């Protein structure tokens, strides 16, 4: 590898690390452009999370972007199932503040059926996919039946 290529690789690495971990542009980069790139990445991260967790923006209301950014601020961007893991973290933090809406509780339970939280990552369980699908389907049907029963007998959310 030539000296120029090695230098470019180091510069790119510094830029990517700063996008993930720093609030400032690394030396040699335009601060405004760096901040614009960072904001675009954050917006994309939230859009992807909202696509995977549509109940999160509903649960958090108009302030969901700010609250989600606050939770994810110290969380490194990662590949793979990052939108699922990001939403899981935001939902967990929301659950610490009080009871979660039913739709969000169901989605959290379904994620916990398929994954375990290990060292800051969602790691798939080793069970066969058909078994996980059956468990997920059963949970969804039980919640639906529970909702129908409550509606039929006029019970409130707390019952």
N, C-alpha and C. Protein backbone atom coordinates (compact mmCIF):
# COMPACT_ATOMS: atom_id res chain seq x y z
N UNK A 1 0.85 -1.18 0.00
CA UNK A 1 0.00 0.00 0.00
C UNK A 1 0.90 1.24 0.00
N UNK A 2 0.56 2.19 -0.85
CA UNK A 2 1.36 3.40 -0.95
C UNK A 2 1.15 4.30 0.27
N UNK A 3 2.05 5.23 0.44
CA UNK A 3 1.98 6.17 1.56
C UNK A 3 0.71 7.02 1.46
N UNK A 4 0.35 7.44 0.23
CA UNK A 4 -0.86 8.25 0.05
C UNK A 4 -2.11 7.47 0.44
N UNK A 5 -2.18 6.21 0.03
CA UNK A 5 -3.35 5.38 0.36
C UNK A 5 -3.43 5.13 1.86
N UNK A 6 -2.30 4.89 2.48
CA UNK A 6 -2.28 4.64 3.92
C UNK A 6 -2.73 5.91 4.65
N UNK A 7 -2.27 7.06 4.20
CA UNK A 7 -2.67 8.33 4.80
C UNK A 7 -4.16 8.58 4.64
N UNK A 8 -4.68 8.29 3.45
CA UNK A 8 -6.12 8.44 3.21
C UNK A 8 -6.93 7.50 4.10
N UNK A 9 -6.46 6.28 4.26
CA UNK A 9 -7.16 5.30 5.11
C UNK A 9 -7.20 5.78 6.57
N UNK A 10 -6.09 6.34 7.04
CA UNK A 10 -6.05 6.86 8.41
C UNK A 10 -7.00 8.04 8.56
N UNK A 11 -7.01 8.92 7.58
CA UNK A 11 -7.90 10.10 7.62
C UNK A 11 -9.36 9.66 7.61
N UNK A 12 -9.72 8.70 6.75
CA UNK A 12 -11.10 8.19 6.71
C UNK A 12 -11.48 7.55 8.04
N UNK A 13 -10.57 6.79 8.62
CA UNK A 13 -10.85 6.15 9.91
C UNK A 13 -11.10 7.19 10.99
N UNK A 14 -10.28 8.24 11.01
CA UNK A 14 -10.47 9.32 11.99
C UNK A 14 -11.84 9.97 11.82
N UNK A 15 -12.24 10.20 10.57
CA UNK A 15 -13.51 10.83 10.27
C UNK A 15 -14.67 9.96 10.77
N UNK A 16 -14.62 8.65 10.45
CA UNK A 16 -15.69 7.75 10.85
C UNK A 16 -15.76 7.59 12.37
N UNK A 17 -14.61 7.51 13.02
CA UNK A 17 -14.61 7.43 14.48
C UNK A 17 -15.21 8.69 15.10
N UNK A 18 -14.87 9.83 14.54
CA UNK A 18 -15.40 11.10 15.06
C UNK A 18 -16.91 11.18 14.85
N UNK A 19 -17.41 10.69 13.72
CA UNK A 19 -18.86 10.68 13.49
C UNK A 19 -19.56 9.86 14.56
N UNK A 20 -18.95 8.77 14.97
CA UNK A 20 -19.57 7.89 15.97
C UNK A 20 -19.40 8.38 17.39
N UNK A 21 -18.21 8.88 17.72
CA UNK A 21 -17.88 9.08 19.12
C UNK A 21 -17.68 10.51 19.57
N UNK A 22 -17.50 11.43 18.66
CA UNK A 22 -17.08 12.77 19.04
C UNK A 22 -18.15 13.79 18.70
N UNK A 23 -18.09 14.90 19.39
CA UNK A 23 -19.01 15.99 19.06
C UNK A 23 -18.32 17.03 18.17
N UNK A 24 -17.04 16.84 17.91
CA UNK A 24 -16.30 17.81 17.12
C UNK A 24 -15.73 17.17 15.86
N UNK A 25 -15.54 18.01 14.86
CA UNK A 25 -14.90 17.54 13.63
C UNK A 25 -13.42 17.33 13.91
N UNK A 26 -12.84 16.26 13.36
CA UNK A 26 -11.40 16.08 13.53
C UNK A 26 -10.64 17.18 12.79
N UNK A 27 -9.42 17.39 13.18
CA UNK A 27 -8.64 18.45 12.55
C UNK A 27 -8.51 18.17 11.06
N UNK A 28 -8.61 19.23 10.28
CA UNK A 28 -8.52 19.10 8.84
C UNK A 28 -9.86 18.97 8.14
N UNK A 29 -10.95 18.87 8.91
CA UNK A 29 -12.29 18.74 8.33
C UNK A 29 -13.10 20.00 8.63
N UNK A 30 -13.90 20.40 7.68
CA UNK A 30 -14.78 21.55 7.85
C UNK A 30 -15.84 21.23 8.90
N UNK A 31 -15.93 22.04 9.94
CA UNK A 31 -16.83 21.78 11.06
C UNK A 31 -18.30 21.77 10.64
N UNK A 32 -18.69 22.71 9.76
CA UNK A 32 -20.10 22.77 9.33
C UNK A 32 -20.47 21.54 8.51
N UNK A 33 -19.61 21.14 7.62
CA UNK A 33 -19.90 19.95 6.80
C UNK A 33 -19.90 18.69 7.66
N UNK A 34 -18.99 18.64 8.60
CA UNK A 34 -18.95 17.49 9.51
C UNK A 34 -20.25 17.40 10.30
N UNK A 35 -20.70 18.52 10.85
CA UNK A 35 -21.95 18.54 11.62
C UNK A 35 -23.14 18.17 10.74
N UNK A 36 -23.15 18.63 9.49
CA UNK A 36 -24.23 18.29 8.57
C UNK A 36 -24.25 16.78 8.31
N UNK A 37 -23.09 16.19 8.11
CA UNK A 37 -23.00 14.74 7.88
C UNK A 37 -23.49 13.99 9.11
N UNK A 38 -23.11 14.48 10.26
CA UNK A 38 -23.52 13.84 11.52
C UNK A 38 -25.04 13.91 11.70
N UNK A 39 -25.62 15.05 11.42
CA UNK A 39 -27.08 15.22 11.54
C UNK A 39 -27.82 14.32 10.55
N UNK A 40 -27.29 14.19 9.34
CA UNK A 40 -27.91 13.30 8.35
C UNK A 40 -27.86 11.85 8.82
N UNK A 41 -26.73 11.44 9.38
CA UNK A 41 -26.62 10.07 9.90
C UNK A 41 -27.59 9.84 11.06
N UNK A 42 -27.70 10.82 11.95
CA UNK A 42 -28.64 10.70 13.07
C UNK A 42 -30.08 10.60 12.57
N UNK A 43 -30.43 11.43 11.59
CA UNK A 43 -31.79 11.40 11.03
C UNK A 43 -32.08 10.06 10.38
N UNK A 44 -31.11 9.53 9.65
CA UNK A 44 -31.27 8.22 9.01
C UNK A 44 -31.43 7.14 10.07
N UNK A 45 -30.65 7.22 11.12
CA UNK A 45 -30.73 6.24 12.21
C UNK A 45 -32.13 6.23 12.83
N UNK A 46 -32.68 7.42 13.06
CA UNK A 46 -34.01 7.51 13.66
C UNK A 46 -35.10 7.04 12.69
N UNK A 47 -34.95 7.36 11.40
CA UNK A 47 -35.93 6.88 10.41
C UNK A 47 -35.96 5.36 10.36
N UNK A 48 -34.79 4.76 10.35
CA UNK A 48 -34.71 3.30 10.30
C UNK A 48 -35.28 2.68 11.57
N UNK A 49 -35.00 3.29 12.70
CA UNK A 49 -35.53 2.79 13.96
C UNK A 49 -37.05 2.89 13.98
N UNK A 50 -37.58 4.00 13.50
CA UNK A 50 -39.04 4.20 13.48
C UNK A 50 -39.71 3.22 12.53
N UNK A 51 -39.02 2.82 11.48
CA UNK A 51 -39.58 1.85 10.54
C UNK A 51 -39.71 0.47 11.20
N UNK A 52 -38.71 0.11 12.00
CA UNK A 52 -38.71 -1.18 12.69
C UNK A 52 -39.58 -1.15 13.94
N UNK A 53 -39.65 0.01 14.61
CA UNK A 53 -40.41 0.19 15.85
C UNK A 53 -41.46 1.30 15.64
N UNK A 54 -42.49 1.08 14.85
CA UNK A 54 -43.47 2.15 14.59
C UNK A 54 -44.21 2.60 15.85
N UNK A 55 -44.25 1.77 16.87
CA UNK A 55 -44.95 2.15 18.09
C UNK A 55 -44.14 3.13 18.95
N UNK A 56 -42.85 3.26 18.71
CA UNK A 56 -42.04 4.19 19.50
C UNK A 56 -42.42 5.65 19.27
N UNK A 57 -42.48 6.12 18.02
CA UNK A 57 -42.89 7.52 17.84
C UNK A 57 -44.29 7.79 18.41
N UNK A 58 -45.19 6.79 18.31
CA UNK A 58 -46.53 6.96 18.89
C UNK A 58 -46.44 7.11 20.40
N UNK A 59 -45.61 6.27 21.03
CA UNK A 59 -45.51 6.28 22.50
C UNK A 59 -44.84 7.55 23.01
N UNK A 60 -43.86 8.06 22.27
CA UNK A 60 -43.11 9.23 22.73
C UNK A 60 -43.72 10.55 22.28
N UNK A 61 -44.62 10.50 21.30
CA UNK A 61 -45.27 11.72 20.83
C UNK A 61 -44.37 12.58 19.96
N UNK A 62 -44.68 13.86 19.92
CA UNK A 62 -43.96 14.79 19.06
C UNK A 62 -42.48 14.92 19.42
N UNK A 63 -42.13 14.58 20.63
CA UNK A 63 -40.76 14.75 21.13
C UNK A 63 -39.91 13.49 20.94
N UNK A 64 -40.37 12.54 20.12
CA UNK A 64 -39.69 11.24 20.03
C UNK A 64 -38.27 11.36 19.49
N UNK A 65 -38.03 12.26 18.56
CA UNK A 65 -36.69 12.40 17.99
C UNK A 65 -35.69 12.87 19.05
N UNK A 66 -36.06 13.89 19.79
CA UNK A 66 -35.16 14.42 20.82
C UNK A 66 -34.89 13.37 21.90
N UNK A 67 -35.95 12.70 22.35
CA UNK A 67 -35.79 11.69 23.40
C UNK A 67 -34.94 10.52 22.90
N UNK A 68 -35.18 10.09 21.66
CA UNK A 68 -34.41 8.98 21.11
C UNK A 68 -32.94 9.36 20.96
N UNK A 69 -32.68 10.57 20.48
CA UNK A 69 -31.29 11.03 20.35
C UNK A 69 -30.59 11.05 21.71
N UNK A 70 -31.32 11.47 22.73
CA UNK A 70 -30.74 11.53 24.08
C UNK A 70 -30.34 10.13 24.55
N UNK A 71 -31.17 9.15 24.28
CA UNK A 71 -30.86 7.77 24.68
C UNK A 71 -29.69 7.22 23.86
N UNK A 72 -29.70 7.48 22.56
CA UNK A 72 -28.71 6.89 21.66
C UNK A 72 -27.41 7.69 21.57
N UNK A 73 -27.34 8.84 22.22
CA UNK A 73 -26.17 9.71 22.10
C UNK A 73 -24.87 8.96 22.38
N UNK A 74 -24.82 8.19 23.41
CA UNK A 74 -23.58 7.49 23.75
C UNK A 74 -23.46 6.10 23.16
N UNK A 75 -24.42 5.72 22.34
CA UNK A 75 -24.43 4.37 21.78
C UNK A 75 -23.81 4.40 20.39
N UNK A 76 -22.79 3.65 20.24
CA UNK A 76 -22.06 3.59 18.98
C UNK A 76 -22.94 3.02 17.87
N UNK A 77 -22.84 3.62 16.69
CA UNK A 77 -23.55 3.07 15.52
C UNK A 77 -22.91 1.75 15.16
N UNK A 78 -23.74 0.80 14.77
CA UNK A 78 -23.23 -0.51 14.42
C UNK A 78 -23.93 -1.04 13.19
N UNK A 79 -23.41 -2.08 12.63
CA UNK A 79 -24.04 -2.71 11.47
C UNK A 79 -25.08 -3.72 11.90
N UNK A 80 -25.55 -4.50 10.96
CA UNK A 80 -26.50 -5.57 11.27
C UNK A 80 -27.86 -5.05 11.68
N UNK A 81 -28.35 -5.57 12.79
CA UNK A 81 -29.70 -5.27 13.29
C UNK A 81 -29.71 -3.99 14.13
N UNK A 82 -29.01 -2.95 13.67
CA UNK A 82 -28.86 -1.76 14.50
C UNK A 82 -30.19 -1.06 14.78
N UNK A 83 -31.10 -1.01 13.84
CA UNK A 83 -32.37 -0.32 14.07
C UNK A 83 -33.19 -1.06 15.14
N UNK A 84 -33.12 -2.37 15.12
CA UNK A 84 -33.82 -3.17 16.13
C UNK A 84 -33.21 -2.93 17.51
N UNK A 85 -31.88 -2.93 17.59
CA UNK A 85 -31.20 -2.71 18.86
C UNK A 85 -31.41 -1.27 19.36
N UNK A 86 -31.35 -0.30 18.46
CA UNK A 86 -31.58 1.10 18.86
C UNK A 86 -32.98 1.27 19.44
N UNK A 87 -33.97 0.72 18.76
CA UNK A 87 -35.35 0.81 19.25
C UNK A 87 -35.53 0.10 20.57
N UNK A 88 -34.86 -1.03 20.72
CA UNK A 88 -34.94 -1.78 21.98
C UNK A 88 -34.40 -0.93 23.13
N UNK A 89 -33.27 -0.25 22.89
CA UNK A 89 -32.70 0.61 23.94
C UNK A 89 -33.63 1.77 24.29
N UNK A 90 -34.22 2.40 23.28
CA UNK A 90 -35.12 3.52 23.53
C UNK A 90 -36.37 3.02 24.26
N UNK A 91 -36.90 1.89 23.85
CA UNK A 91 -38.09 1.33 24.53
C UNK A 91 -37.76 0.95 25.97
N UNK A 92 -36.58 0.37 26.19
CA UNK A 92 -36.17 0.04 27.56
C UNK A 92 -36.09 1.29 28.43
N UNK A 93 -35.53 2.36 27.88
CA UNK A 93 -35.42 3.59 28.67
C UNK A 93 -36.81 4.18 28.93
N UNK A 94 -37.69 4.06 27.97
CA UNK A 94 -39.06 4.54 28.14
C UNK A 94 -39.77 3.71 29.22
N UNK A 95 -39.51 2.40 29.24
CA UNK A 95 -40.11 1.53 30.25
C UNK A 95 -39.65 1.86 31.65
N UNK A 96 -38.45 2.42 31.79
CA UNK A 96 -37.95 2.81 33.10
C UNK A 96 -38.67 4.03 33.64
N UNK A 97 -39.30 4.78 32.74
CA UNK A 97 -40.00 6.00 33.14
C UNK A 97 -41.46 5.74 33.52
N UNK A 98 -41.96 4.56 33.22
CA UNK A 98 -43.34 4.25 33.53
C UNK A 98 -43.85 3.13 32.64
N UNK A 99 -45.13 2.80 32.76
CA UNK A 99 -45.69 1.70 31.98
C UNK A 99 -45.64 1.99 30.47
N UNK A 100 -45.33 0.97 29.71
CA UNK A 100 -45.29 1.09 28.25
C UNK A 100 -46.67 0.85 27.65
N UNK A 101 -46.97 1.50 26.54
CA UNK A 101 -48.21 1.19 25.83
C UNK A 101 -48.22 -0.28 25.40
N UNK A 102 -49.39 -0.85 25.29
CA UNK A 102 -49.55 -2.28 24.99
C UNK A 102 -48.80 -2.69 23.73
N UNK A 103 -48.93 -1.94 22.66
CA UNK A 103 -48.29 -2.29 21.39
C UNK A 103 -46.77 -2.37 21.55
N UNK A 104 -46.22 -1.47 22.32
CA UNK A 104 -44.78 -1.45 22.55
C UNK A 104 -44.35 -2.61 23.46
N UNK A 105 -45.18 -2.92 24.46
CA UNK A 105 -44.88 -4.08 25.32
C UNK A 105 -44.84 -5.37 24.51
N UNK A 106 -45.78 -5.50 23.58
CA UNK A 106 -45.81 -6.70 22.73
C UNK A 106 -44.54 -6.78 21.89
N UNK A 107 -44.17 -5.67 21.27
CA UNK A 107 -42.98 -5.70 20.42
C UNK A 107 -41.73 -5.99 21.25
N UNK A 108 -41.62 -5.43 22.45
CA UNK A 108 -40.48 -5.73 23.32
C UNK A 108 -40.44 -7.22 23.66
N UNK A 109 -41.59 -7.79 23.96
CA UNK A 109 -41.66 -9.21 24.28
C UNK A 109 -41.26 -10.07 23.09
N UNK A 110 -41.71 -9.69 21.91
CA UNK A 110 -41.35 -10.45 20.71
C UNK A 110 -39.85 -10.37 20.43
N UNK A 111 -39.26 -9.22 20.67
CA UNK A 111 -37.80 -9.10 20.49
C UNK A 111 -37.09 -9.97 21.51
N UNK A 112 -37.58 -9.97 22.74
CA UNK A 112 -36.94 -10.80 23.78
C UNK A 112 -37.08 -12.29 23.50
N UNK A 113 -38.14 -12.68 22.79
CA UNK A 113 -38.28 -14.08 22.41
C UNK A 113 -37.20 -14.47 21.41
N UNK A 114 -36.92 -13.59 20.48
CA UNK A 114 -35.97 -13.90 19.40
C UNK A 114 -34.51 -13.59 19.73
N UNK A 115 -34.27 -12.67 20.67
CA UNK A 115 -32.91 -12.22 20.95
C UNK A 115 -32.66 -12.17 22.45
N UNK A 116 -31.39 -12.14 22.79
CA UNK A 116 -31.00 -11.85 24.17
C UNK A 116 -30.05 -10.66 24.12
N UNK A 117 -30.04 -9.87 25.18
CA UNK A 117 -29.19 -8.69 25.25
C UNK A 117 -27.86 -9.12 25.84
N UNK A 118 -26.79 -8.95 25.11
CA UNK A 118 -25.48 -9.40 25.56
C UNK A 118 -24.43 -8.36 25.18
N UNK A 119 -23.80 -7.78 26.19
CA UNK A 119 -22.72 -6.80 25.98
C UNK A 119 -23.13 -5.68 25.03
N UNK A 120 -24.34 -5.15 25.20
CA UNK A 120 -24.79 -4.03 24.40
C UNK A 120 -25.27 -4.38 23.01
N UNK A 121 -25.51 -5.65 22.75
CA UNK A 121 -25.96 -6.10 21.42
C UNK A 121 -27.13 -7.07 21.59
N UNK A 122 -28.00 -7.09 20.58
CA UNK A 122 -29.03 -8.11 20.52
C UNK A 122 -28.43 -9.31 19.80
N UNK A 123 -28.41 -10.45 20.48
CA UNK A 123 -27.84 -11.67 19.92
C UNK A 123 -28.96 -12.68 19.73
N UNK A 124 -29.11 -13.23 18.53
CA UNK A 124 -30.19 -14.20 18.30
C UNK A 124 -30.07 -15.42 19.22
N UNK A 125 -31.22 -15.88 19.70
CA UNK A 125 -31.26 -17.13 20.45
C UNK A 125 -30.96 -18.27 19.49
N UNK A 126 -30.56 -19.39 20.03
CA UNK A 126 -30.19 -20.52 19.19
C UNK A 126 -31.36 -21.42 18.80
N UNK A 127 -32.59 -21.11 19.18
CA UNK A 127 -33.71 -21.97 18.86
C UNK A 127 -34.01 -21.93 17.36
N UNK A 128 -34.65 -23.02 16.88
CA UNK A 128 -35.05 -23.03 15.46
C UNK A 128 -36.06 -21.92 15.14
N UNK A 129 -35.99 -21.41 13.94
CA UNK A 129 -36.85 -20.30 13.53
C UNK A 129 -38.33 -20.65 13.66
N UNK A 130 -38.72 -21.87 13.32
CA UNK A 130 -40.13 -22.24 13.38
C UNK A 130 -40.66 -22.16 14.81
N UNK A 131 -39.81 -22.50 15.80
CA UNK A 131 -40.24 -22.44 17.20
C UNK A 131 -40.42 -20.98 17.63
N UNK A 132 -39.49 -20.12 17.22
CA UNK A 132 -39.60 -18.70 17.56
C UNK A 132 -40.82 -18.08 16.89
N UNK A 133 -41.09 -18.49 15.63
CA UNK A 133 -42.29 -18.00 14.94
C UNK A 133 -43.56 -18.43 15.67
N UNK A 134 -43.60 -19.67 16.14
CA UNK A 134 -44.75 -20.18 16.87
C UNK A 134 -44.96 -19.42 18.18
N UNK A 135 -43.88 -19.19 18.90
CA UNK A 135 -43.98 -18.45 20.16
C UNK A 135 -44.45 -17.02 19.90
N UNK A 136 -43.87 -16.36 18.89
CA UNK A 136 -44.26 -14.99 18.55
C UNK A 136 -45.73 -14.93 18.16
N UNK A 137 -46.16 -15.85 17.33
CA UNK A 137 -47.56 -15.90 16.89
C UNK A 137 -48.47 -16.08 18.10
N UNK A 138 -48.09 -16.98 19.02
CA UNK A 138 -48.89 -17.23 20.22
C UNK A 138 -49.02 -15.99 21.09
N UNK A 139 -47.92 -15.27 21.25
CA UNK A 139 -47.95 -14.06 22.06
C UNK A 139 -48.89 -13.03 21.44
N UNK A 140 -48.78 -12.83 20.13
CA UNK A 140 -49.65 -11.86 19.46
C UNK A 140 -51.12 -12.25 19.61
N UNK A 141 -51.44 -13.54 19.46
CA UNK A 141 -52.83 -13.99 19.60
C UNK A 141 -53.32 -13.83 21.03
N UNK A 142 -52.48 -14.10 22.02
CA UNK A 142 -52.89 -13.94 23.41
C UNK A 142 -53.19 -12.48 23.74
N UNK A 143 -52.35 -11.57 23.27
CA UNK A 143 -52.61 -10.15 23.50
C UNK A 143 -53.89 -9.70 22.80
N UNK A 144 -54.11 -10.20 21.59
CA UNK A 144 -55.34 -9.84 20.87
C UNK A 144 -56.57 -10.36 21.62
N UNK A 145 -56.51 -11.60 22.09
CA UNK A 145 -57.61 -12.17 22.86
C UNK A 145 -57.84 -11.39 24.15
N UNK A 146 -56.77 -11.01 24.80
CA UNK A 146 -56.86 -10.24 26.03
C UNK A 146 -57.55 -8.90 25.77
N UNK A 147 -57.17 -8.24 24.68
CA UNK A 147 -57.78 -6.95 24.32
C UNK A 147 -59.26 -7.10 24.01
N UNK A 148 -59.61 -8.15 23.28
CA UNK A 148 -61.02 -8.39 22.95
C UNK A 148 -61.83 -8.66 24.20
N UNK A 149 -61.27 -9.41 25.12
CA UNK A 149 -61.97 -9.72 26.37
C UNK A 149 -62.18 -8.45 27.20
N UNK A 150 -61.16 -7.63 27.29
CA UNK A 150 -61.30 -6.39 28.04
C UNK A 150 -62.35 -5.49 27.41
N UNK A 151 -62.34 -5.40 26.09
CA UNK A 151 -63.33 -4.56 25.40
C UNK A 151 -64.73 -5.11 25.60
N UNK A 152 -64.87 -6.41 25.54
CA UNK A 152 -66.19 -7.04 25.67
C UNK A 152 -66.80 -6.78 27.05
N UNK A 153 -65.95 -6.81 28.09
CA UNK A 153 -66.46 -6.64 29.44
C UNK A 153 -66.24 -5.23 29.98
N UNK A 154 -65.74 -4.33 29.12
CA UNK A 154 -65.58 -2.93 29.52
C UNK A 154 -64.55 -2.70 30.59
N UNK A 155 -63.49 -3.51 30.60
CA UNK A 155 -62.43 -3.35 31.60
C UNK A 155 -61.44 -2.28 31.15
N UNK A 156 -60.85 -1.59 32.11
CA UNK A 156 -59.85 -0.56 31.78
C UNK A 156 -58.48 -1.20 31.61
N UNK A 157 -57.49 -0.39 31.22
CA UNK A 157 -56.12 -0.86 30.96
C UNK A 157 -55.50 -1.49 32.20
N UNK A 158 -55.84 -1.02 33.38
CA UNK A 158 -55.24 -1.53 34.61
C UNK A 158 -55.77 -2.89 35.04
N UNK A 159 -56.83 -3.39 34.43
CA UNK A 159 -57.43 -4.66 34.86
C UNK A 159 -56.92 -5.82 34.06
